């Protein structure tokens, strides 16, 4: 009986099974969220911004606990390591997110569906809007990437392999937005496609910096640069412009924003195809991931170095 109970929780190697590791990770997220909510509420900032910070802090804390005690790996093994390709990965993500949303905006502008008007901000006001928006969208995007493309997703890959894990996590990512204002079936489909894009971006580089750049830049460009709602949430205070929209909702997304329209569907599919085909987007050799075996394989000896 004890053997059956042990095998229920542990695999043949004596390691905690992937499903239980995910459960323990989510429990750690919840516990840390409860523990951090009071001290974070004392810090300056809006409640919504501190909510983003809370999710990010709980996700990072739970990741540290899970990687250290369940996997015996460094915290950065989930794709948070800094290496020579990090600026390129993050920069490419930011550029691609900007280009996708700019393409959507220009099409709507050309069709007469989007008419922007500058908010008459002073240069100092514009700096404050940009800085606050980068902090807001940056904390929100990184928090979601840690939760949806970090430890839980990467552990799910070990259990199910990449494609089933990616599809399942994309569905979960979409369902996490089901309570957003003005949600539609098409908007949830596009959120799921974004989840697929971010997961593929992680897997291609084995780093969260590319999907983080994509996610943050998409949201920042969407609202701050062009005045669209982001995932159904309109916040004029985070935008440089006031945008008047018209046109069919299935094209422009309606009150949910571009993510609720077919233009976003096309942009997400094209960007996913590009990342899959881009030869320069790849994982560097020798990086430590949750499933790497650097503790089992001796390090490669440098050429010309004497044998030990």
C-alpha atoms as a PDB file:
ATOM      1  CA  UNK A   1       0.000   0.000   0.000  1.00  0.00           C
ATOM      2  CA  UNK A   2       2.792   2.420   0.918  1.00  0.00           C
ATOM      3  CA  UNK A   3       4.482   1.612  -2.387  1.00  0.00           C
ATOM      4  CA  UNK A   4       1.325   2.531  -4.281  1.00  0.00           C
ATOM      5  CA  UNK A   5       1.025   5.825  -2.416  1.00  0.00           C
ATOM      6  CA  UNK A   6       4.687   6.574  -3.100  1.00  0.00           C
ATOM      7  CA  UNK A   7       4.329   5.843  -6.825  1.00  0.00           C
ATOM      8  CA  UNK A   8       1.243   8.061  -6.911  1.00  0.00           C
ATOM      9  CA  UNK A   9       3.353  11.077  -5.959  1.00  0.00           C
ATOM     10  CA  UNK A  10       6.815  10.053  -7.215  1.00  0.00           C
ATOM     11  CA  UNK A  11       8.070   8.687 -10.526  1.00  0.00           C
ATOM     12  CA  UNK A  12      10.556   5.829 -10.984  1.00  0.00           C
ATOM     13  CA  UNK A  13      13.473   8.175 -10.375  1.00  0.00           C
ATOM     14  CA  UNK A  14      12.043   9.240  -7.027  1.00  0.00           C
ATOM     15  CA  UNK A  15      11.160  12.716  -8.353  1.00  0.00           C
ATOM     16  CA  UNK A  16       7.829  14.419  -7.722  1.00  0.00           C
ATOM     17  CA  UNK A  17       5.561  13.786 -10.694  1.00  0.00           C
ATOM     18  CA  UNK A  18       4.978  16.675 -13.097  1.00  0.00           C
ATOM     19  CA  UNK A  19       1.308  17.050 -12.237  1.00  0.00           C
ATOM     20  CA  UNK A  20       2.037  17.379  -8.531  1.00  0.00           C
ATOM     21  CA  UNK A  21       4.846  19.860  -9.231  1.00  0.00           C
ATOM     22  CA  UNK A  22       2.355  22.072 -11.072  1.00  0.00           C
ATOM     23  CA  UNK A  23      -0.140  21.778  -8.210  1.00  0.00           C
ATOM     24  CA  UNK A  24       2.531  22.677  -5.650  1.00  0.00           C
ATOM     25  CA  UNK A  25       3.650  25.622  -7.783  1.00  0.00           C
ATOM     26  CA  UNK A  26       0.101  27.011  -7.974  1.00  0.00           C
ATOM     27  CA  UNK A  27      -0.372  26.488  -4.228  1.00  0.00           C
ATOM     28  CA  UNK A  28       2.837  28.457  -3.662  1.00  0.00           C
ATOM     29  CA  UNK A  29       1.523  31.248  -5.922  1.00  0.00           C
ATOM     30  CA  UNK A  30      -1.685  31.452  -3.873  1.00  0.00           C
ATOM     31  CA  UNK A  31       0.104  31.387  -0.518  1.00  0.00           C
ATOM     32  CA  UNK A  32       2.608  34.038  -1.540  1.00  0.00           C
ATOM     33  CA  UNK A  33      -0.187  36.147  -3.024  1.00  0.00           C
ATOM     34  CA  UNK A  34      -1.997  36.122   0.312  1.00  0.00           C
ATOM     35  CA  UNK A  35       1.198  36.869   2.250  1.00  0.00           C
ATOM     36  CA  UNK A  36       2.236  39.725  -0.059  1.00  0.00           C
ATOM     37  CA  UNK A  37      -1.109  41.435  -0.565  1.00  0.00           C
ATOM     38  CA  UNK A  38      -0.963  43.426   2.679  1.00  0.00           C
ATOM     39  CA  UNK A  39       2.623  44.768   2.461  1.00  0.00           C
ATOM     40  CA  UNK A  40       2.252  45.567  -1.254  1.00  0.00           C
ATOM     41  CA  UNK A  41      -0.973  47.473  -0.574  1.00  0.00           C
ATOM     42  CA  UNK A  42       1.048  49.890   1.592  1.00  0.00           C
ATOM     43  CA  UNK A  43       3.261  50.907  -1.326  1.00  0.00           C
ATOM     44  CA  UNK A  44       2.364  53.943  -3.470  1.00  0.00           C
ATOM     45  CA  UNK A  45       0.560  53.243  -6.720  1.00  0.00           C
ATOM     46  CA  UNK A  46      -2.894  52.438  -8.014  1.00  0.00           C
ATOM     47  CA  UNK A  47      -4.640  49.290  -6.859  1.00  0.00           C
ATOM     48  CA  UNK A  48      -4.671  47.924 -10.396  1.00  0.00           C
ATOM     49  CA  UNK A  49      -0.922  48.460 -10.822  1.00  0.00           C
ATOM     50  CA  UNK A  50      -0.159  46.904  -7.454  1.00  0.00           C
ATOM     51  CA  UNK A  51      -2.333  43.964  -8.529  1.00  0.00           C
ATOM     52  CA  UNK A  52       0.026  43.430 -11.450  1.00  0.00           C
ATOM     53  CA  UNK A  53       3.017  43.686  -9.117  1.00  0.00           C
ATOM     54  CA  UNK A  54       1.396  41.201  -6.728  1.00  0.00           C
ATOM     55  CA  UNK A  55       0.876  38.625  -9.489  1.00  0.00           C
ATOM     56  CA  UNK A  56       4.457  39.107 -10.692  1.00  0.00           C
ATOM     57  CA  UNK A  57       5.956  38.877  -7.189  1.00  0.00           C
ATOM     58  CA  UNK A  58       3.916  35.781  -6.289  1.00  0.00           C
ATOM     59  CA  UNK A  59       4.813  34.116  -9.594  1.00  0.00           C
ATOM     60  CA  UNK A  60       8.523  34.821  -9.205  1.00  0.00           C
ATOM     61  CA  UNK A  61       8.528  33.712  -5.563  1.00  0.00           C
ATOM     62  CA  UNK A  62       6.723  30.473  -6.354  1.00  0.00           C
ATOM     63  CA  UNK A  63       9.115  29.870  -9.248  1.00  0.00           C
ATOM     64  CA  UNK A  64      12.096  30.225  -6.918  1.00  0.00           C
ATOM     65  CA  UNK A  65      10.572  27.779  -4.419  1.00  0.00           C
ATOM     66  CA  UNK A  66       9.651  25.229  -7.098  1.00  0.00           C
ATOM     67  CA  UNK A  67      12.917  25.319  -9.022  1.00  0.00           C
ATOM     68  CA  UNK A  68      15.035  25.136  -5.855  1.00  0.00           C
ATOM     69  CA  UNK A  69      13.176  22.474  -3.892  1.00  0.00           C
ATOM     70  CA  UNK A  70      11.349  20.416  -6.540  1.00  0.00           C
ATOM     71  CA  UNK A  71      13.779  20.526  -9.467  1.00  0.00           C
ATOM     72  CA  UNK A  72      16.992  21.484  -7.700  1.00  0.00           C
ATOM     73  CA  UNK A  73      17.703  23.943 -10.493  1.00  0.00           C
ATOM     74  CA  UNK A  74      18.606  27.623 -10.476  1.00  0.00           C
ATOM     75  CA  UNK A  75      15.702  30.083 -10.497  1.00  0.00           C
ATOM     76  CA  UNK A  76      16.699  31.283 -13.976  1.00  0.00           C
ATOM     77  CA  UNK A  77      16.150  27.795 -15.462  1.00  0.00           C
ATOM     78  CA  UNK A  78      12.585  28.791 -16.401  1.00  0.00           C
ATOM     79  CA  UNK A  79      13.945  31.135 -19.092  1.00  0.00           C
ATOM     80  CA  UNK A  80      14.935  34.147 -17.002  1.00  0.00           C
ATOM     81  CA  UNK A  81      18.702  33.813 -17.428  1.00  0.00           C
ATOM     82  CA  UNK A  82      20.601  36.840 -18.715  1.00  0.00           C
ATOM     83  CA  UNK A  83      23.010  35.999 -21.500  1.00  0.00           C
ATOM     84  CA  UNK A  84      24.456  37.634 -24.618  1.00  0.00           C
ATOM     85  CA  UNK A  85      21.290  37.043 -26.674  1.00  0.00           C
ATOM     86  CA  UNK A  86      18.906  38.504 -24.100  1.00  0.00           C
ATOM     87  CA  UNK A  87      18.903  42.079 -25.515  1.00  0.00           C
ATOM     88  CA  UNK A  88      18.345  40.684 -29.021  1.00  0.00           C
ATOM     89  CA  UNK A  89      15.494  38.407 -27.942  1.00  0.00           C
ATOM     90  CA  UNK A  90      13.773  41.094 -25.902  1.00  0.00           C
ATOM     91  CA  UNK A  91      14.350  43.730 -28.583  1.00  0.00           C
ATOM     92  CA  UNK A  92      13.013  41.455 -31.331  1.00  0.00           C
ATOM     93  CA  UNK A  93       9.903  40.801 -29.249  1.00  0.00           C
ATOM     94  CA  UNK A  94       9.344  44.518 -28.682  1.00  0.00           C
ATOM     95  CA  UNK A  95       9.795  45.253 -32.396  1.00  0.00           C
ATOM     96  CA  UNK A  96       7.450  42.473 -33.508  1.00  0.00           C
ATOM     97  CA  UNK A  97       4.752  43.503 -31.018  1.00  0.00           C
ATOM     98  CA  UNK A  98       5.018  47.095 -32.237  1.00  0.00           C
ATOM     99  CA  UNK A  99       4.905  46.087 -35.911  1.00  0.00           C
ATOM    100  CA  UNK A 100       1.844  43.885 -35.442  1.00  0.00           C
ATOM    101  CA  UNK A 101      -0.152  46.602 -33.712  1.00  0.00           C
ATOM    102  CA  UNK A 102       1.100  49.314 -36.067  1.00  0.00           C
ATOM    103  CA  UNK A 103      -0.040  47.239 -39.029  1.00  0.00           C
ATOM    104  CA  UNK A 104      -3.507  46.867 -37.478  1.00  0.00           C
ATOM    105  CA  UNK A 105      -3.673  50.604 -36.759  1.00  0.00           C
ATOM    106  CA  UNK A 106      -2.581  51.611 -40.278  1.00  0.00           C
ATOM    107  CA  UNK A 107      -5.159  49.320 -41.894  1.00  0.00           C
ATOM    108  CA  UNK A 108      -7.929  50.756 -39.723  1.00  0.00           C
ATOM    109  CA  UNK A 109      -6.652  54.270 -40.397  1.00  0.00           C
ATOM    110  CA  UNK A 110      -6.647  53.632 -44.163  1.00  0.00           C
ATOM    111  CA  UNK A 111     -10.191  52.231 -44.041  1.00  0.00           C
ATOM    112  CA  UNK A 112     -11.391  55.225 -42.049  1.00  0.00           C
ATOM    113  CA  UNK A 113     -12.215  53.045 -39.049  1.00  0.00           C
ATOM    114  CA  UNK A 114      -9.715  54.761 -36.710  1.00  0.00           C
ATOM    115  CA  UNK A 115      -9.389  58.533 -36.234  1.00  0.00           C
ATOM    116  CA  UNK A 116      -6.788  59.499 -33.603  1.00  0.00           C
ATOM    117  CA  UNK A 117      -6.473  62.906 -31.945  1.00  0.00           C
ATOM    118  CA  UNK A 118      -3.493  63.967 -29.804  1.00  0.00           C
ATOM    119  CA  UNK A 119      -4.431  64.528 -26.162  1.00  0.00           C
ATOM    120  CA  UNK A 120      -2.564  67.853 -26.067  1.00  0.00           C
ATOM    121  CA  UNK A 121      -0.089  66.528 -23.528  1.00  0.00           C
ATOM    122  CA  UNK A 122       2.928  68.591 -22.539  1.00  0.00           C
ATOM    123  CA  UNK A 123       6.325  66.925 -23.084  1.00  0.00           C
ATOM    124  CA  UNK A 124       6.566  66.213 -19.346  1.00  0.00           C
ATOM    125  CA  UNK A 125       3.051  64.738 -19.297  1.00  0.00           C
ATOM    126  CA  UNK A 126       3.926  62.547 -22.280  1.00  0.00           C
ATOM    127  CA  UNK A 127       7.016  61.249 -20.461  1.00  0.00           C
ATOM    128  CA  UNK A 128       4.906  60.423 -17.410  1.00  0.00           C
ATOM    129  CA  UNK A 129       2.326  58.627 -19.557  1.00  0.00           C
ATOM    130  CA  UNK A 130       5.037  56.619 -21.313  1.00  0.00           C
ATOM    131  CA  UNK A 131       6.868  55.759 -18.083  1.00  0.00           C
ATOM    132  CA  UNK A 132       3.726  54.785 -16.205  1.00  0.00           C
ATOM    133  CA  UNK A 133       2.430  52.736 -19.125  1.00  0.00           C
ATOM    134  CA  UNK A 134       5.711  50.876 -19.543  1.00  0.00           C
ATOM    135  CA  UNK A 135       5.691  50.026 -15.831  1.00  0.00           C
ATOM    136  CA  UNK A 136       2.027  48.963 -15.965  1.00  0.00           C
ATOM    137  CA  UNK A 137       2.228  46.873 -19.122  1.00  0.00           C
ATOM    138  CA  UNK A 138       5.685  45.576 -18.251  1.00  0.00           C
ATOM    139  CA  UNK A 139       4.634  44.253 -14.829  1.00  0.00           C
ATOM    140  CA  UNK A 140       1.427  42.803 -16.253  1.00  0.00           C
ATOM    141  CA  UNK A 141       3.110  41.118 -19.222  1.00  0.00           C
ATOM    142  CA  UNK A 142       6.003  39.666 -17.221  1.00  0.00           C
ATOM    143  CA  UNK A 143       3.631  38.420 -14.531  1.00  0.00           C
ATOM    144  CA  UNK A 144       1.484  36.616 -17.111  1.00  0.00           C
ATOM    145  CA  UNK A 145       4.523  35.158 -18.871  1.00  0.00           C
ATOM    146  CA  UNK A 146       5.904  33.809 -15.589  1.00  0.00           C
ATOM    147  CA  UNK A 147       2.545  32.221 -14.778  1.00  0.00           C
ATOM    148  CA  UNK A 148       1.547  30.957 -18.236  1.00  0.00           C
ATOM    149  CA  UNK A 149       4.865  30.307 -19.985  1.00  0.00           C
ATOM    150  CA  UNK A 150       7.088  29.771 -16.963  1.00  0.00           C
ATOM    151  CA  UNK A 151       7.335  26.910 -14.489  1.00  0.00           C
ATOM    152  CA  UNK A 152       3.828  25.447 -14.907  1.00  0.00           C
ATOM    153  CA  UNK A 153       3.948  25.410 -18.720  1.00  0.00           C
ATOM    154  CA  UNK A 154       7.472  24.032 -18.904  1.00  0.00           C
ATOM    155  CA  UNK A 155       6.603  21.287 -16.422  1.00  0.00           C
ATOM    156  CA  UNK A 156       3.482  20.513 -18.448  1.00  0.00           C
ATOM    157  CA  UNK A 157       5.697  20.042 -21.515  1.00  0.00           C
ATOM    158  CA  UNK A 158       7.640  17.379 -19.595  1.00  0.00           C
ATOM    159  CA  UNK A 159       4.375  15.552 -18.889  1.00  0.00           C
ATOM    160  CA  UNK A 160       2.535  15.931 -22.207  1.00  0.00           C
ATOM    161  CA  UNK A 161       5.194  16.993 -24.786  1.00  0.00           C
ATOM    162  CA  UNK A 162       5.232  20.416 -26.421  1.00  0.00           C
ATOM    163  CA  UNK A 163       2.207  20.514 -28.738  1.00  0.00           C
ATOM    164  CA  UNK A 164      -0.461  19.202 -26.317  1.00  0.00           C
ATOM    165  CA  UNK A 165       0.967  21.346 -23.505  1.00  0.00           C
ATOM    166  CA  UNK A 166       0.950  24.433 -25.733  1.00  0.00           C
ATOM    167  CA  UNK A 167      -2.642  23.915 -26.857  1.00  0.00           C
ATOM    168  CA  UNK A 168      -3.827  23.256 -23.309  1.00  0.00           C
ATOM    169  CA  UNK A 169      -2.035  26.317 -21.918  1.00  0.00           C
ATOM    170  CA  UNK A 170      -3.393  28.495 -24.745  1.00  0.00           C
ATOM    171  CA  UNK A 171      -6.915  27.426 -23.776  1.00  0.00           C
ATOM    172  CA  UNK A 172      -6.215  28.160 -20.100  1.00  0.00           C
ATOM    173  CA  UNK A 173      -4.737  31.546 -21.072  1.00  0.00           C
ATOM    174  CA  UNK A 174      -7.914  32.382 -23.003  1.00  0.00           C
ATOM    175  CA  UNK A 175     -10.148  31.239 -20.150  1.00  0.00           C
ATOM    176  CA  UNK A 176      -8.209  33.515 -17.784  1.00  0.00           C
ATOM    177  CA  UNK A 177      -9.579  36.441 -19.854  1.00  0.00           C
ATOM    178  CA  UNK A 178     -13.173  35.222 -20.015  1.00  0.00           C
ATOM    179  CA  UNK A 179     -14.319  37.719 -17.351  1.00  0.00           C
ATOM    180  CA  UNK A 180     -12.790  40.707 -19.150  1.00  0.00           C
ATOM    181  CA  UNK A 181     -15.248  43.415 -20.252  1.00  0.00           C
ATOM    182  CA  UNK A 182     -16.820  43.067 -23.731  1.00  0.00           C
ATOM    183  CA  UNK A 183     -15.375  39.596 -24.325  1.00  0.00           C
ATOM    184  CA  UNK A 184     -16.499  37.653 -27.416  1.00  0.00           C
ATOM    185  CA  UNK A 185     -15.779  34.254 -28.915  1.00  0.00           C
ATOM    186  CA  UNK A 186     -13.449  35.833 -31.487  1.00  0.00           C
ATOM    187  CA  UNK A 187     -11.574  37.770 -28.806  1.00  0.00           C
ATOM    188  CA  UNK A 188     -11.045  34.593 -26.775  1.00  0.00           C
ATOM    189  CA  UNK A 189      -9.844  32.834 -29.928  1.00  0.00           C
ATOM    190  CA  UNK A 190      -7.317  35.602 -30.514  1.00  0.00           C
ATOM    191  CA  UNK A 191      -6.148  35.467 -26.890  1.00  0.00           C
ATOM    192  CA  UNK A 192      -5.605  31.725 -27.354  1.00  0.00           C
ATOM    193  CA  UNK A 193      -3.648  32.439 -30.566  1.00  0.00           C
ATOM    194  CA  UNK A 194      -1.540  34.940 -28.609  1.00  0.00           C
ATOM    195  CA  UNK A 195      -0.922  32.202 -26.034  1.00  0.00           C
ATOM    196  CA  UNK A 196       0.261  29.898 -28.834  1.00  0.00           C
ATOM    197  CA  UNK A 197       2.528  32.662 -30.162  1.00  0.00           C
ATOM    198  CA  UNK A 198       4.105  33.343 -26.765  1.00  0.00           C
ATOM    199  CA  UNK A 199       4.594  29.627 -26.070  1.00  0.00           C
ATOM    200  CA  UNK A 200       6.280  29.072 -29.430  1.00  0.00           C
ATOM    201  CA  UNK A 201       8.449  32.150 -28.815  1.00  0.00           C
ATOM    202  CA  UNK A 202       9.563  30.617 -25.518  1.00  0.00           C
ATOM    203  CA  UNK A 203      10.228  27.187 -27.005  1.00  0.00           C
ATOM    204  CA  UNK A 204      12.177  28.598 -29.960  1.00  0.00           C
ATOM    205  CA  UNK A 205      14.595  30.485 -27.693  1.00  0.00           C
ATOM    206  CA  UNK A 206      14.087  28.624 -24.370  1.00  0.00           C
ATOM    207  CA  UNK A 207      13.819  32.091 -22.883  1.00  0.00           C
ATOM    208  CA  UNK A 208      10.949  34.224 -21.576  1.00  0.00           C
ATOM    209  CA  UNK A 209      12.528  37.423 -22.873  1.00  0.00           C
ATOM    210  CA  UNK A 210      11.171  37.069 -26.421  1.00  0.00           C
ATOM    211  CA  UNK A 211       7.538  36.405 -25.361  1.00  0.00           C
ATOM    212  CA  UNK A 212       7.829  39.087 -22.669  1.00  0.00           C
ATOM    213  CA  UNK A 213       8.924  41.647 -25.266  1.00  0.00           C
ATOM    214  CA  UNK A 214       6.107  40.585 -27.613  1.00  0.00           C
ATOM    215  CA  UNK A 215       3.478  40.733 -24.888  1.00  0.00           C
ATOM    216  CA  UNK A 216       4.524  44.063 -23.386  1.00  0.00           C
ATOM    217  CA  UNK A 217       5.049  45.824 -26.710  1.00  0.00           C
ATOM    218  CA  UNK A 218       1.725  44.571 -28.131  1.00  0.00           C
ATOM    219  CA  UNK A 219      -0.164  45.992 -25.129  1.00  0.00           C
ATOM    220  CA  UNK A 220       1.855  49.215 -24.894  1.00  0.00           C
ATOM    221  CA  UNK A 221       1.482  49.955 -28.612  1.00  0.00           C
ATOM    222  CA  UNK A 222      -2.187  49.028 -28.532  1.00  0.00           C
ATOM    223  CA  UNK A 223      -3.189  51.466 -25.800  1.00  0.00           C
ATOM    224  CA  UNK A 224      -0.413  54.003 -25.239  1.00  0.00           C
ATOM    225  CA  UNK A 225       0.559  54.670 -28.855  1.00  0.00           C
ATOM    226  CA  UNK A 226      -2.751  54.155 -30.650  1.00  0.00           C
ATOM    227  CA  UNK A 227      -5.492  54.538 -28.047  1.00  0.00           C
ATOM    228  CA  UNK A 228      -7.155  51.134 -28.416  1.00  0.00           C
ATOM    229  CA  UNK A 229      -8.606  49.217 -25.448  1.00  0.00           C
ATOM    230  CA  UNK A 230      -6.429  46.318 -24.297  1.00  0.00           C
ATOM    231  CA  UNK A 231      -8.345  43.085 -23.736  1.00  0.00           C
ATOM    232  CA  UNK A 232     -11.576  44.996 -23.214  1.00  0.00           C
ATOM    233  CA  UNK A 233     -10.105  47.548 -20.801  1.00  0.00           C
ATOM    234  CA  UNK A 234     -10.027  51.155 -22.015  1.00  0.00           C
ATOM    235  CA  UNK A 235      -7.848  53.588 -20.073  1.00  0.00           C
ATOM    236  CA  UNK A 236      -7.436  56.994 -21.697  1.00  0.00           C
ATOM    237  CA  UNK A 237      -4.955  58.068 -19.013  1.00  0.00           C
ATOM    238  CA  UNK A 238      -2.407  55.579 -20.423  1.00  0.00           C
ATOM    239  CA  UNK A 239      -2.643  56.848 -23.992  1.00  0.00           C
ATOM    240  CA  UNK A 240      -1.098  59.654 -26.023  1.00  0.00           C
ATOM    241  CA  UNK A 241      -4.229  59.928 -28.174  1.00  0.00           C
ATOM    242  CA  UNK A 242      -8.001  59.817 -28.064  1.00  0.00           C
ATOM    243  CA  UNK A 243      -9.219  57.358 -30.681  1.00  0.00           C
ATOM    244  CA  UNK A 244     -12.594  57.422 -32.417  1.00  0.00           C
ATOM    245  CA  UNK A 245     -13.446  54.042 -33.909  1.00  0.00           C
ATOM    246  CA  UNK A 246     -16.041  52.761 -36.335  1.00  0.00           C
ATOM    247  CA  UNK A 247     -16.406  49.745 -38.593  1.00  0.00           C
ATOM    248  CA  UNK A 248     -17.674  46.221 -37.998  1.00  0.00           C
ATOM    249  CA  UNK A 249     -16.683  44.709 -34.658  1.00  0.00           C
ATOM    250  CA  UNK A 250     -15.514  41.470 -36.286  1.00  0.00           C
ATOM    251  CA  UNK A 251     -12.887  43.501 -38.157  1.00  0.00           C
ATOM    252  CA  UNK A 252     -11.769  46.115 -35.620  1.00  0.00           C
ATOM    253  CA  UNK A 253     -12.652  44.277 -32.406  1.00  0.00           C
ATOM    254  CA  UNK A 254     -15.220  46.734 -31.073  1.00  0.00           C
ATOM    255  CA  UNK A 255     -14.999  47.693 -27.387  1.00  0.00           C
ATOM    256  CA  UNK A 256     -12.688  44.759 -26.653  1.00  0.00           C
ATOM    257  CA  UNK A 257     -10.004  46.388 -28.796  1.00  0.00           C
ATOM    258  CA  UNK A 258      -8.086  44.960 -31.765  1.00  0.00           C
ATOM    259  CA  UNK A 259      -7.747  41.593 -30.021  1.00  0.00           C
ATOM    260  CA  UNK A 260     -11.453  41.101 -30.730  1.00  0.00           C
ATOM    261  CA  UNK A 261     -11.115  41.486 -34.507  1.00  0.00           C
ATOM    262  CA  UNK A 262      -9.975  39.502 -37.501  1.00  0.00           C
ATOM    263  CA  UNK A 263      -7.050  41.858 -38.159  1.00  0.00           C
ATOM    264  CA  UNK A 264      -5.441  40.654 -34.920  1.00  0.00           C
ATOM    265  CA  UNK A 265      -6.076  37.051 -35.960  1.00  0.00           C
ATOM    266  CA  UNK A 266      -4.119  37.625 -39.145  1.00  0.00           C
ATOM    267  CA  UNK A 267      -1.303  39.516 -37.356  1.00  0.00           C
ATOM    268  CA  UNK A 268      -0.870  36.784 -34.735  1.00  0.00           C
ATOM    269  CA  UNK A 269      -0.766  33.996 -37.331  1.00  0.00           C
ATOM    270  CA  UNK A 270       1.802  35.859 -39.468  1.00  0.00           C
ATOM    271  CA  UNK A 271       4.002  36.614 -36.452  1.00  0.00           C
ATOM    272  CA  UNK A 272       3.836  32.990 -35.301  1.00  0.00           C
ATOM    273  CA  UNK A 273       4.892  31.833 -38.771  1.00  0.00           C
ATOM    274  CA  UNK A 274       7.761  34.350 -38.780  1.00  0.00           C
ATOM    275  CA  UNK A 275       9.110  33.204 -35.410  1.00  0.00           C
ATOM    276  CA  UNK A 276       8.928  29.562 -36.486  1.00  0.00           C
ATOM    277  CA  UNK A 277      10.905  30.353 -39.646  1.00  0.00           C
ATOM    278  CA  UNK A 278      13.388  32.903 -38.260  1.00  0.00           C
ATOM    279  CA  UNK A 279      16.775  31.198 -38.207  1.00  0.00           C
ATOM    280  CA  UNK A 280      18.355  33.694 -35.815  1.00  0.00           C
ATOM    281  CA  UNK A 281      15.818  32.907 -33.094  1.00  0.00           C
ATOM    282  CA  UNK A 282      17.171  29.854 -31.318  1.00  0.00           C
ATOM    283  CA  UNK A 283      18.359  28.705 -27.937  1.00  0.00           C
ATOM    284  CA  UNK A 284      22.065  29.090 -27.136  1.00  0.00           C
ATOM    285  CA  UNK A 285      24.039  25.956 -26.414  1.00  0.00           C
ATOM    286  CA  UNK A 286      24.583  24.882 -22.836  1.00  0.00           C
ATOM    287  CA  UNK A 287      21.787  26.842 -21.182  1.00  0.00           C
ATOM    288  CA  UNK A 288      20.187  25.368 -18.086  1.00  0.00           C
ATOM    289  CA  UNK A 289      16.476  24.614 -18.383  1.00  0.00           C
ATOM    290  CA  UNK A 290      14.046  22.641 -16.230  1.00  0.00           C
ATOM    291  CA  UNK A 291      14.652  19.537 -18.367  1.00  0.00           C
ATOM    292  CA  UNK A 292      18.369  19.956 -19.073  1.00  0.00           C
ATOM    293  CA  UNK A 293      20.770  17.304 -17.817  1.00  0.00           C
ATOM    294  CA  UNK A 294      23.830  19.372 -17.023  1.00  0.00           C
ATOM    295  CA  UNK A 295      24.002  17.631 -13.646  1.00  0.00           C
ATOM    296  CA  UNK A 296      24.283  14.257 -15.398  1.00  0.00           C
ATOM    297  CA  UNK A 297      26.543  15.100 -18.321  1.00  0.00           C
ATOM    298  CA  UNK A 298      30.076  16.336 -17.579  1.00  0.00           C
ATOM    299  CA  UNK A 299      30.846  19.811 -18.980  1.00  0.00           C
ATOM    300  CA  UNK A 300      32.500  19.912 -22.396  1.00  0.00           C
ATOM    301  CA  UNK A 301      36.263  20.340 -22.131  1.00  0.00           C
ATOM    302  CA  UNK A 302      37.654  23.356 -23.955  1.00  0.00           C
ATOM    303  CA  UNK A 303      39.743  22.593 -27.023  1.00  0.00           C
ATOM    304  CA  UNK A 304      43.400  22.186 -26.148  1.00  0.00           C
ATOM    305  CA  UNK A 305      42.793  22.001 -22.408  1.00  0.00           C
ATOM    306  CA  UNK A 306      44.651  19.238 -20.618  1.00  0.00           C
ATOM    307  CA  UNK A 307      42.635  16.283 -19.432  1.00  0.00           C
ATOM    308  CA  UNK A 308      42.070  16.101 -15.703  1.00  0.00           C
END
